[in-house]
C-alpha atoms as a PDB file:
ATOM      1  CA  MET A   1     137.976  74.119-115.560  1.00  0.00           C
ATOM      2  CA  ALA A   2     136.566  76.736-113.854  1.00  0.00           C
ATOM      3  CA  GLN A   3     139.027  77.170-110.933  1.00  0.00           C
ATOM      4  CA  THR A   4     141.823  76.572-112.565  1.00  0.00           C
ATOM      5  CA  ASP A   5     140.753  80.226-114.158  1.00  0.00           C
ATOM      6  CA  GLU A   6     140.455  81.276-111.567  1.00  0.00           C
ATOM      7  CA  ALA A   7     143.253  80.423-109.632  1.00  0.00           C
ATOM      8  CA  ALA A   8     145.087  82.038-112.240  1.00  0.00           C
ATOM      9  CA  THR A   9     143.895  85.085-112.094  1.00  0.00           C
ATOM     10  CA  PRO A  10     143.516  86.739-109.198  1.00  0.00           C
ATOM     11  CA  LEU A  11     141.249  88.282-107.821  1.00  0.00           C
ATOM     12  CA  GLY A  12     140.780  92.151-107.379  1.00  0.00           C
ATOM     13  CA  TYR A  13     139.318  92.481-104.105  1.00  0.00           C
ATOM     14  CA  GLU A  14     136.152  95.214-105.836  1.00  0.00           C
ATOM     15  CA  GLN A  15     135.498  91.436-107.988  1.00  0.00           C
ATOM     16  CA  ALA A  16     136.230  89.753-104.726  1.00  0.00           C
ATOM     17  CA  ARG A  17     133.705  91.946-102.560  1.00  0.00           C
ATOM     18  CA  ASP A  18     131.097  91.793-105.272  1.00  0.00           C
ATOM     19  CA  GLU A  19     131.370  88.029-105.754  1.00  0.00           C
ATOM     20  CA  LEU A  20     130.901  87.741-101.944  1.00  0.00           C
ATOM     21  CA  ILE A  21     127.990  89.431-101.559  1.00  0.00           C
ATOM     22  CA  ASP A  22     125.710  87.744-104.936  1.00  0.00           C
ATOM     23  CA  VAL A  23     127.037  84.419-102.340  1.00  0.00           C
ATOM     24  CA  VAL A  24     125.717  86.386 -98.627  1.00  0.00           C
ATOM     25  CA  ARG A  25     122.956  86.914-101.367  1.00  0.00           C
ATOM     26  CA  ARG A  26     121.979  83.723-102.512  1.00  0.00           C
ATOM     27  CA  LEU A  27     122.091  81.946 -99.091  1.00  0.00           C
ATOM     28  CA  GLU A  28     120.446  84.616 -97.203  1.00  0.00           C
ATOM     29  CA  ALA A  29     117.054  84.503-100.670  1.00  0.00           C
ATOM     30  CA  GLY A  30     117.090  79.958 -99.226  1.00  0.00           C
ATOM     31  CA  GLY A  31     115.752  78.041-101.855  1.00  0.00           C
ATOM     32  CA  THR A  32     118.722  75.812-102.303  1.00  0.00           C
ATOM     33  CA  THR A  33     119.575  72.799-102.427  1.00  0.00           C
ATOM     34  CA  LEU A  34     122.149  71.741 -98.859  1.00  0.00           C
ATOM     35  CA  GLU A  35     124.674  71.074-101.059  1.00  0.00           C
ATOM     36  CA  GLU A  36     124.810  74.110-102.903  1.00  0.00           C
ATOM     37  CA  SER A  37     124.045  76.241-100.200  1.00  0.00           C
ATOM     38  CA  LEU A  38     127.858  74.601 -98.721  1.00  0.00           C
ATOM     39  CA  ALA A  39     128.974  75.078-101.866  1.00  0.00           C
ATOM     40  CA  LEU A  40     128.278  78.556-101.193  1.00  0.00           C
ATOM     41  CA  TRP A  41     129.552  78.670 -98.046  1.00  0.00           C
ATOM     42  CA  GLU A  42     132.458  77.559 -99.629  1.00  0.00           C
ATOM     43  CA  ARG A  43     132.793  80.088-101.675  1.00  0.00           C
ATOM     44  CA  GLY A  44     132.018  82.964 -99.883  1.00  0.00           C
ATOM     45  CA  GLU A  45     134.322  81.783 -97.033  1.00  0.00           C
ATOM     46  CA  GLU A  46     137.418  81.989-100.051  1.00  0.00           C
ATOM     47  CA  LEU A  47     135.584  84.770-100.861  1.00  0.00           C
ATOM     48  CA  ALA A  48     136.205  86.514 -97.506  1.00  0.00           C
ATOM     49  CA  LYS A  49     140.255  85.428 -97.784  1.00  0.00           C
ATOM     50  CA  VAL A  50     140.694  87.257-100.283  1.00  0.00           C
ATOM     51  CA  CYS A  51     139.147  90.665 -99.367  1.00  0.00           C
ATOM     52  CA  ARG A  52     141.121  89.899 -95.962  1.00  0.00           C
ATOM     53  CA  ARG A  53     144.058  89.650 -97.306  1.00  0.00           C
ATOM     54  CA  TRP A  54     143.925  92.856 -99.597  1.00  0.00           C
ATOM     55  CA  LEU A  55     142.969  95.010 -97.196  1.00  0.00           C
ATOM     56  CA  GLU A  56     146.015  93.634 -94.343  1.00  0.00           C
ATOM     57  CA  GLY A  57     147.816  94.392 -97.547  1.00  0.00           C
ATOM     58  CA  ALA A  58     146.420  97.730 -98.023  1.00  0.00           C
ATOM     59  CA  ARG A  59     147.227  98.352 -94.122  1.00  0.00           C
ATOM     60  CA  ALA A  60     150.755  97.251 -94.932  1.00  0.00           C
ATOM     61  CA  ARG A  61     151.225  99.812 -97.387  1.00  0.00           C
ATOM     62  CA  LEU A  62     149.681 102.865 -94.933  1.00  0.00           C
ATOM     63  CA  ASP A  63     151.621 101.768 -91.923  1.00  0.00           C
ATOM     64  CA  ALA A  64     154.454 101.725 -93.718  1.00  0.00           C
ATOM     65  CA  SER A  65     153.998 105.805 -95.998  1.00  0.00           C
ATOM     66  CA  LEU A  66     153.230 106.641 -92.494  1.00  0.00           C
ATOM     67  CA  ALA A  67     156.315 105.300 -91.210  1.00  0.00           C
ATOM     68  CA  ASP A  68     158.395 106.858 -93.596  1.00  0.00           C
ATOM     69  CA  GLU A  69     156.527 110.314 -92.844  1.00  0.00           C
ATOM     70  CA  SER A  70     157.969 110.029 -89.376  1.00  0.00           C
END
């Protein structure tokens, strides 16, 4: 059910970044089972994609703004 809620409400950049930081810390700390580690890794990949899309969108907006000034 949580995945449905997450899919319905897109993550903001800061929220995705903060969760990604938490995922990385948990993976680095160890102490998780292989299954838990794989789930964390997959979540981290999803979060990284969300962050990348936000940053690419921001870059496109900046490029468009700079092009308009020329």
